[in-house]
Amino acid sequence: MTQVISGSFDGEIRYWDLTERKTLFNLNAHNGIVKGLTFVDDGLNFLSCGSDNKINFYKFQHAFDHYKDPDFTPSNIYTSKTVLTSIDHHYSEKKFATSGGVVQVWTYERSNPLQTYEWGTDSVLKVKFNPSEQNLIGAVGIDRSIVLYDIRAATPLKKTILQNKSMCFAWNPMEPINFTVGNDDSNCYTFDMRKLDIIKMIHKDHIGAV
């Protein structure tokens, strides 16, 4: 059985069984757009963030059992003081990161972020934890930047600027020193994180912004 989770502009989250082509459950999660979704490291629970600046933690089984209950609420809710644009979970620790006005690292035990990072950009559009070097976070910003963060340090690591804005970021699961960003110029760019001043590969032939 193949299952995925999706979020929509009206704040609804749906959990899908692709094999059966049906919705297993749906939740009215946010007052506004669902900006990001991520599974917890156990694969059983998930987090969402929205344009209402809320981060919701859901236990999958509770959501599945009670989704028709109009009073059903997330197991925990965290409130960000800044705009939220995406969320990603650490691969082995009980931490998650959000992007927006700043990059924030959270733990389940605290209502406020554990760490906050900023590097001269109005908005960070996407954050992603590295699956191998799990304390590394990659991010792209509205100022056309690509930034690397190490959550063991107090300041960001590296930054480079492209000619156009990137909207998405993905680490290579087989070669975790490499990552690819999707850009507004209809190309994808692959980098070696040790040499951000050199584009390793350009992937062309998309017909619109990636």
C-alpha atoms as a PDB file:
ATOM      1  CA  MET A   1       0.000   0.000   0.000  1.00  0.00           C
ATOM      2  CA  THR A   2       1.368   3.418  -1.035  1.00  0.00           C
ATOM      3  CA  GLN A   3       0.235   6.354   1.045  1.00  0.00           C
ATOM      4  CA  VAL A   4       0.911  10.083   0.725  1.00  0.00           C
ATOM      5  CA  ILE A   5      -0.229  13.196   2.513  1.00  0.00           C
ATOM      6  CA  SER A   6      -1.213  16.494   0.894  1.00  0.00           C
ATOM      7  CA  GLY A   7      -2.200  19.994   1.974  1.00  0.00           C
ATOM      8  CA  SER A   8      -4.309  22.566   0.146  1.00  0.00           C
ATOM      9  CA  PHE A   9      -5.042  26.298  -0.067  1.00  0.00           C
ATOM     10  CA  ASP A  10      -8.186  25.970   2.078  1.00  0.00           C
ATOM     11  CA  GLY A  11      -6.203  24.566   5.034  1.00  0.00           C
ATOM     12  CA  GLU A  12      -7.253  20.954   4.533  1.00  0.00           C
ATOM     13  CA  ILE A  13      -4.903  17.976   4.922  1.00  0.00           C
ATOM     14  CA  ARG A  14      -5.707  14.707   3.164  1.00  0.00           C
ATOM     15  CA  TYR A  15      -4.117  11.308   3.639  1.00  0.00           C
ATOM     16  CA  TRP A  16      -4.321   9.210   0.477  1.00  0.00           C
ATOM     17  CA  ASP A  17      -4.082   5.544  -0.421  1.00  0.00           C
ATOM     18  CA  LEU A  18      -2.736   5.715  -3.981  1.00  0.00           C
ATOM     19  CA  THR A  19      -3.335   2.026  -4.633  1.00  0.00           C
ATOM     20  CA  GLU A  20      -7.052   2.334  -3.866  1.00  0.00           C
ATOM     21  CA  ARG A  21      -7.221   5.929  -5.185  1.00  0.00           C
ATOM     22  CA  LYS A  22      -9.126   7.125  -2.146  1.00  0.00           C
ATOM     23  CA  THR A  23      -8.791   9.417   0.851  1.00  0.00           C
ATOM     24  CA  LEU A  24      -8.187   7.616   4.147  1.00  0.00           C
ATOM     25  CA  PHE A  25      -8.939  10.732   6.175  1.00  0.00           C
ATOM     26  CA  ASN A  26      -9.052  14.504   5.851  1.00  0.00           C
ATOM     27  CA  LEU A  27      -8.526  17.221   8.471  1.00  0.00           C
ATOM     28  CA  ASN A  28      -9.374  20.917   8.603  1.00  0.00           C
ATOM     29  CA  ALA A  29      -5.898  21.734   9.845  1.00  0.00           C
ATOM     30  CA  HIS A  30      -5.179  25.440   9.285  1.00  0.00           C
ATOM     31  CA  ASN A  31      -6.940  28.765   8.899  1.00  0.00           C
ATOM     32  CA  GLY A  32      -5.374  29.482   5.539  1.00  0.00           C
ATOM     33  CA  ILE A  33      -2.919  27.774   3.214  1.00  0.00           C
ATOM     34  CA  VAL A  34      -1.092  24.602   4.261  1.00  0.00           C
ATOM     35  CA  LYS A  35       2.523  25.633   3.671  1.00  0.00           C
ATOM     36  CA  GLY A  36       4.373  22.447   4.582  1.00  0.00           C
ATOM     37  CA  LEU A  37       4.027  18.800   5.658  1.00  0.00           C
ATOM     38  CA  THR A  38       6.575  16.330   6.989  1.00  0.00           C
ATOM     39  CA  PHE A  39       6.544  12.911   8.592  1.00  0.00           C
ATOM     40  CA  VAL A  40       8.187  12.398  11.965  1.00  0.00           C
ATOM     41  CA  ASP A  41      11.259  10.128  12.045  1.00  0.00           C
ATOM     42  CA  ASP A  42       9.106   7.184  13.232  1.00  0.00           C
ATOM     43  CA  GLY A  43       7.049   7.371  10.025  1.00  0.00           C
ATOM     44  CA  LEU A  44       3.808   7.132  12.030  1.00  0.00           C
ATOM     45  CA  ASN A  45       3.120  10.742  12.946  1.00  0.00           C
ATOM     46  CA  PHE A  46       3.349  13.993  11.004  1.00  0.00           C
ATOM     47  CA  LEU A  47       3.658  17.775  11.298  1.00  0.00           C
ATOM     48  CA  SER A  48       2.044  20.543   9.278  1.00  0.00           C
ATOM     49  CA  CYS A  49       2.573  24.297   9.093  1.00  0.00           C
ATOM     50  CA  GLY A  50       0.309  26.953   7.638  1.00  0.00           C
ATOM     51  CA  SER A  51      -0.128  30.591   6.747  1.00  0.00           C
ATOM     52  CA  ASP A  52      -1.781  31.031  10.181  1.00  0.00           C
ATOM     53  CA  ASN A  53       1.745  30.634  11.663  1.00  0.00           C
ATOM     54  CA  LYS A  54       0.693  27.425  13.418  1.00  0.00           C
ATOM     55  CA  ILE A  55       2.650  24.168  13.514  1.00  0.00           C
ATOM     56  CA  ASN A  56       0.428  21.157  14.210  1.00  0.00           C
ATOM     57  CA  PHE A  57       1.643  17.776  15.435  1.00  0.00           C
ATOM     58  CA  TYR A  58      -0.652  14.863  14.608  1.00  0.00           C
ATOM     59  CA  LYS A  59      -0.538  11.282  15.787  1.00  0.00           C
ATOM     60  CA  PHE A  60      -1.562   9.277  12.750  1.00  0.00           C
ATOM     61  CA  GLN A  61      -3.744   6.751  14.552  1.00  0.00           C
ATOM     62  CA  HIS A  62      -5.592   9.456  16.492  1.00  0.00           C
ATOM     63  CA  ALA A  63      -6.229  11.388  13.284  1.00  0.00           C
ATOM     64  CA  PHE A  64      -7.440   8.232  11.529  1.00  0.00           C
ATOM     65  CA  ASP A  65      -9.755   7.266  14.410  1.00  0.00           C
ATOM     66  CA  HIS A  66     -11.199  10.713  15.132  1.00  0.00           C
ATOM     67  CA  TYR A  67     -11.044  12.756  11.935  1.00  0.00           C
ATOM     68  CA  LYS A  68     -14.859  12.997  11.679  1.00  0.00           C
ATOM     69  CA  ASP A  69     -15.058  14.499  15.178  1.00  0.00           C
ATOM     70  CA  PRO A  70     -15.584  18.291  14.744  1.00  0.00           C
ATOM     71  CA  ASP A  71     -13.778  18.865  18.070  1.00  0.00           C
ATOM     72  CA  PHE A  72     -10.708  16.858  17.061  1.00  0.00           C
ATOM     73  CA  THR A  73      -7.510  18.852  17.621  1.00  0.00           C
ATOM     74  CA  PRO A  74      -3.812  18.145  17.007  1.00  0.00           C
ATOM     75  CA  SER A  75      -1.821  16.441  19.759  1.00  0.00           C
ATOM     76  CA  ASN A  76       0.282  19.597  20.047  1.00  0.00           C
ATOM     77  CA  ILE A  77       0.316  23.077  18.500  1.00  0.00           C
ATOM     78  CA  TYR A  78       3.317  25.398  18.233  1.00  0.00           C
ATOM     79  CA  THR A  79       3.012  29.057  17.253  1.00  0.00           C
ATOM     80  CA  SER A  80       5.682  30.851  15.247  1.00  0.00           C
ATOM     81  CA  LYS A  81       6.271  34.588  15.652  1.00  0.00           C
ATOM     82  CA  THR A  82       7.272  34.799  11.981  1.00  0.00           C
ATOM     83  CA  VAL A  83       5.678  33.721   8.702  1.00  0.00           C
ATOM     84  CA  LEU A  84       6.034  30.004   7.870  1.00  0.00           C
ATOM     85  CA  THR A  85       6.785  28.682   4.372  1.00  0.00           C
ATOM     86  CA  SER A  86       7.936  25.064   4.881  1.00  0.00           C
ATOM     87  CA  ILE A  87       8.778  22.403   7.466  1.00  0.00           C
ATOM     88  CA  ASP A  88      11.095  19.377   7.607  1.00  0.00           C
ATOM     89  CA  HIS A  89      11.885  16.814  10.309  1.00  0.00           C
ATOM     90  CA  HIS A  90      15.285  15.653  11.542  1.00  0.00           C
ATOM     91  CA  TYR A  91      16.049  12.084  10.410  1.00  0.00           C
ATOM     92  CA  SER A  92      16.848  10.647  13.862  1.00  0.00           C
ATOM     93  CA  GLU A  93      16.256  13.250  16.587  1.00  0.00           C
ATOM     94  CA  LYS A  94      13.048  14.751  17.937  1.00  0.00           C
ATOM     95  CA  LYS A  95      13.643  18.054  16.174  1.00  0.00           C
ATOM     96  CA  PHE A  96      12.141  19.822  13.194  1.00  0.00           C
ATOM     97  CA  ALA A  97      12.975  22.951  11.227  1.00  0.00           C
ATOM     98  CA  THR A  98      10.763  25.620   9.688  1.00  0.00           C
ATOM     99  CA  SER A  99      11.455  28.347   7.153  1.00  0.00           C
ATOM    100  CA  GLY A 100       9.854  31.744   6.727  1.00  0.00           C
ATOM    101  CA  GLY A 101      11.053  35.097   7.957  1.00  0.00           C
ATOM    102  CA  VAL A 102      13.886  33.131   9.596  1.00  0.00           C
ATOM    103  CA  VAL A 103      15.009  29.500   9.859  1.00  0.00           C
ATOM    104  CA  GLN A 104      13.896  28.007  13.175  1.00  0.00           C
ATOM    105  CA  VAL A 105      14.814  24.689  14.806  1.00  0.00           C
ATOM    106  CA  TRP A 106      12.236  23.294  17.232  1.00  0.00           C
ATOM    107  CA  THR A 107      11.949  20.455  19.749  1.00  0.00           C
ATOM    108  CA  TYR A 108       8.731  18.877  20.997  1.00  0.00           C
ATOM    109  CA  GLU A 109       9.432  19.885  24.592  1.00  0.00           C
ATOM    110  CA  ARG A 110       9.504  23.645  23.997  1.00  0.00           C
ATOM    111  CA  SER A 111       6.839  26.058  22.764  1.00  0.00           C
ATOM    112  CA  ASN A 112       9.513  28.413  21.389  1.00  0.00           C
ATOM    113  CA  PRO A 113      12.250  27.620  18.849  1.00  0.00           C
ATOM    114  CA  LEU A 114      15.440  26.034  20.154  1.00  0.00           C
ATOM    115  CA  GLN A 115      17.526  27.962  17.591  1.00  0.00           C
ATOM    116  CA  THR A 116      16.909  30.781  15.119  1.00  0.00           C
ATOM    117  CA  TYR A 117      19.036  31.624  12.074  1.00  0.00           C
ATOM    118  CA  GLU A 118      18.915  34.537   9.667  1.00  0.00           C
ATOM    119  CA  TRP A 119      21.287  35.789   6.988  1.00  0.00           C
ATOM    120  CA  GLY A 120      20.013  39.001   5.417  1.00  0.00           C
ATOM    121  CA  THR A 121      16.978  37.685   3.540  1.00  0.00           C
ATOM    122  CA  ASP A 122      13.336  38.698   3.948  1.00  0.00           C
ATOM    123  CA  SER A 123      12.040  35.174   3.550  1.00  0.00           C
ATOM    124  CA  VAL A 124      13.435  31.631   3.380  1.00  0.00           C
ATOM    125  CA  LEU A 125      11.265  29.544   1.062  1.00  0.00           C
ATOM    126  CA  LYS A 126      12.319  25.959   1.771  1.00  0.00           C
ATOM    127  CA  VAL A 127      14.377  23.982   4.326  1.00  0.00           C
ATOM    128  CA  LYS A 128      15.622  20.383   4.113  1.00  0.00           C
ATOM    129  CA  PHE A 129      17.620  18.238   6.536  1.00  0.00           C
ATOM    130  CA  ASN A 130      20.498  16.226   5.063  1.00  0.00           C
ATOM    131  CA  PRO A 131      19.695  12.480   5.339  1.00  0.00           C
ATOM    132  CA  SER A 132      23.323  11.536   6.087  1.00  0.00           C
ATOM    133  CA  GLU A 133      24.941  14.559   7.748  1.00  0.00           C
ATOM    134  CA  GLN A 134      21.798  14.986   9.780  1.00  0.00           C
ATOM    135  CA  ASN A 135      22.757  18.225  11.521  1.00  0.00           C
ATOM    136  CA  LEU A 136      23.003  20.032   8.173  1.00  0.00           C
ATOM    137  CA  ILE A 137      20.094  22.016   6.739  1.00  0.00           C
ATOM    138  CA  GLY A 138      19.878  23.326   3.197  1.00  0.00           C
ATOM    139  CA  ALA A 139      17.664  26.295   2.381  1.00  0.00           C
ATOM    140  CA  VAL A 140      16.710  28.612  -0.473  1.00  0.00           C
ATOM    141  CA  GLY A 141      15.672  32.245  -0.057  1.00  0.00           C
ATOM    142  CA  ILE A 142      13.590  34.832  -1.840  1.00  0.00           C
ATOM    143  CA  ASP A 143      16.785  36.890  -2.409  1.00  0.00           C
ATOM    144  CA  ARG A 144      17.980  34.126  -4.839  1.00  0.00           C
ATOM    145  CA  SER A 145      20.249  32.636  -2.153  1.00  0.00           C
ATOM    146  CA  ILE A 146      21.207  29.075  -1.258  1.00  0.00           C
ATOM    147  CA  VAL A 147      22.280  28.744   2.373  1.00  0.00           C
ATOM    148  CA  LEU A 148      23.681  25.850   4.429  1.00  0.00           C
ATOM    149  CA  TYR A 149      23.194  25.674   8.195  1.00  0.00           C
ATOM    150  CA  ASP A 150      24.732  23.401  10.830  1.00  0.00           C
ATOM    151  CA  ILE A 151      22.404  23.243  13.844  1.00  0.00           C
ATOM    152  CA  ARG A 152      25.385  22.481  16.096  1.00  0.00           C
ATOM    153  CA  ALA A 153      26.699  26.002  15.384  1.00  0.00           C
ATOM    154  CA  ALA A 154      25.307  29.413  16.239  1.00  0.00           C
ATOM    155  CA  THR A 155      25.705  30.918  12.757  1.00  0.00           C
ATOM    156  CA  PRO A 156      25.019  29.792   9.154  1.00  0.00           C
ATOM    157  CA  LEU A 157      27.819  27.993   7.269  1.00  0.00           C
ATOM    158  CA  LYS A 158      27.802  28.986   3.594  1.00  0.00           C
ATOM    159  CA  LYS A 159      25.833  31.080   1.151  1.00  0.00           C
ATOM    160  CA  THR A 160      25.741  31.582  -2.597  1.00  0.00           C
ATOM    161  CA  ILE A 161      23.519  33.664  -4.878  1.00  0.00           C
ATOM    162  CA  LEU A 162      22.025  32.568  -8.208  1.00  0.00           C
ATOM    163  CA  GLN A 163      20.694  34.801 -10.982  1.00  0.00           C
ATOM    164  CA  ASN A 164      17.104  33.706 -10.306  1.00  0.00           C
ATOM    165  CA  LYS A 165      15.127  32.577  -7.292  1.00  0.00           C
ATOM    166  CA  SER A 166      14.936  28.887  -6.346  1.00  0.00           C
ATOM    167  CA  MET A 167      11.718  27.461  -4.919  1.00  0.00           C
ATOM    168  CA  CYS A 168      12.669  23.913  -3.901  1.00  0.00           C
ATOM    169  CA  PHE A 169      15.643  22.025  -2.443  1.00  0.00           C
ATOM    170  CA  ALA A 170      16.471  18.288  -2.453  1.00  0.00           C
ATOM    171  CA  TRP A 171      19.492  16.407  -1.086  1.00  0.00           C
ATOM    172  CA  ASN A 172      20.828  13.471  -3.105  1.00  0.00           C
ATOM    173  CA  PRO A 173      20.039  10.378  -0.954  1.00  0.00           C
ATOM    174  CA  MET A 174      22.905   8.372  -2.491  1.00  0.00           C
ATOM    175  CA  GLU A 175      25.513  11.161  -2.522  1.00  0.00           C
ATOM    176  CA  PRO A 176      24.579  13.376   0.454  1.00  0.00           C
ATOM    177  CA  ILE A 177      27.278  15.950  -0.279  1.00  0.00           C
ATOM    178  CA  ASN A 178      25.273  16.884  -3.398  1.00  0.00           C
ATOM    179  CA  PHE A 179      21.948  18.684  -3.621  1.00  0.00           C
ATOM    180  CA  THR A 180      19.689  20.089  -6.343  1.00  0.00           C
ATOM    181  CA  VAL A 181      17.548  23.212  -6.386  1.00  0.00           C
ATOM    182  CA  GLY A 182      14.616  23.996  -8.688  1.00  0.00           C
ATOM    183  CA  ASN A 183      14.867  27.488 -10.146  1.00  0.00           C
ATOM    184  CA  ASP A 184      12.556  30.131 -11.619  1.00  0.00           C
ATOM    185  CA  ASP A 185      14.540  30.093 -14.884  1.00  0.00           C
ATOM    186  CA  SER A 186      13.098  26.622 -15.688  1.00  0.00           C
ATOM    187  CA  ASN A 187      16.344  24.820 -14.793  1.00  0.00           C
ATOM    188  CA  CYS A 188      17.495  22.635 -11.917  1.00  0.00           C
ATOM    189  CA  TYR A 189      21.014  23.132 -10.560  1.00  0.00           C
ATOM    190  CA  THR A 190      23.095  20.505  -8.762  1.00  0.00           C
ATOM    191  CA  PHE A 191      25.843  21.574  -6.346  1.00  0.00           C
ATOM    192  CA  ASP A 192      28.536  19.940  -4.278  1.00  0.00           C
ATOM    193  CA  MET A 193      28.047  21.498  -0.848  1.00  0.00           C
ATOM    194  CA  ARG A 194      31.835  21.829  -0.470  1.00  0.00           C
ATOM    195  CA  LYS A 195      32.039  24.066  -3.572  1.00  0.00           C
ATOM    196  CA  LEU A 196      29.019  26.329  -3.717  1.00  0.00           C
ATOM    197  CA  ASP A 197      30.729  28.689  -6.156  1.00  0.00           C
ATOM    198  CA  ILE A 198      30.625  25.996  -8.889  1.00  0.00           C
ATOM    199  CA  ILE A 199      27.464  24.550 -10.446  1.00  0.00           C
ATOM    200  CA  LYS A 200      28.081  20.822 -10.871  1.00  0.00           C
ATOM    201  CA  MET A 201      25.238  20.121 -13.293  1.00  0.00           C
ATOM    202  CA  ILE A 202      22.447  22.042 -15.045  1.00  0.00           C
ATOM    203  CA  HIS A 203      19.245  20.113 -15.794  1.00  0.00           C
ATOM    204  CA  LYS A 204      17.316  21.753 -18.638  1.00  0.00           C
ATOM    205  CA  ASP A 205      14.175  21.298 -20.763  1.00  0.00           C
ATOM    206  CA  HIS A 206      11.531  22.190 -18.182  1.00  0.00           C
ATOM    207  CA  ILE A 207       8.814  24.375 -19.666  1.00  0.00           C
ATOM    208  CA  GLY A 208       8.264  26.599 -16.618  1.00  0.00           C
ATOM    209  CA  ALA A 209       9.625  27.550 -13.212  1.00  0.00           C
ATOM    210  CA  VAL A 210      10.590  24.457 -11.190  1.00  0.00           C
END
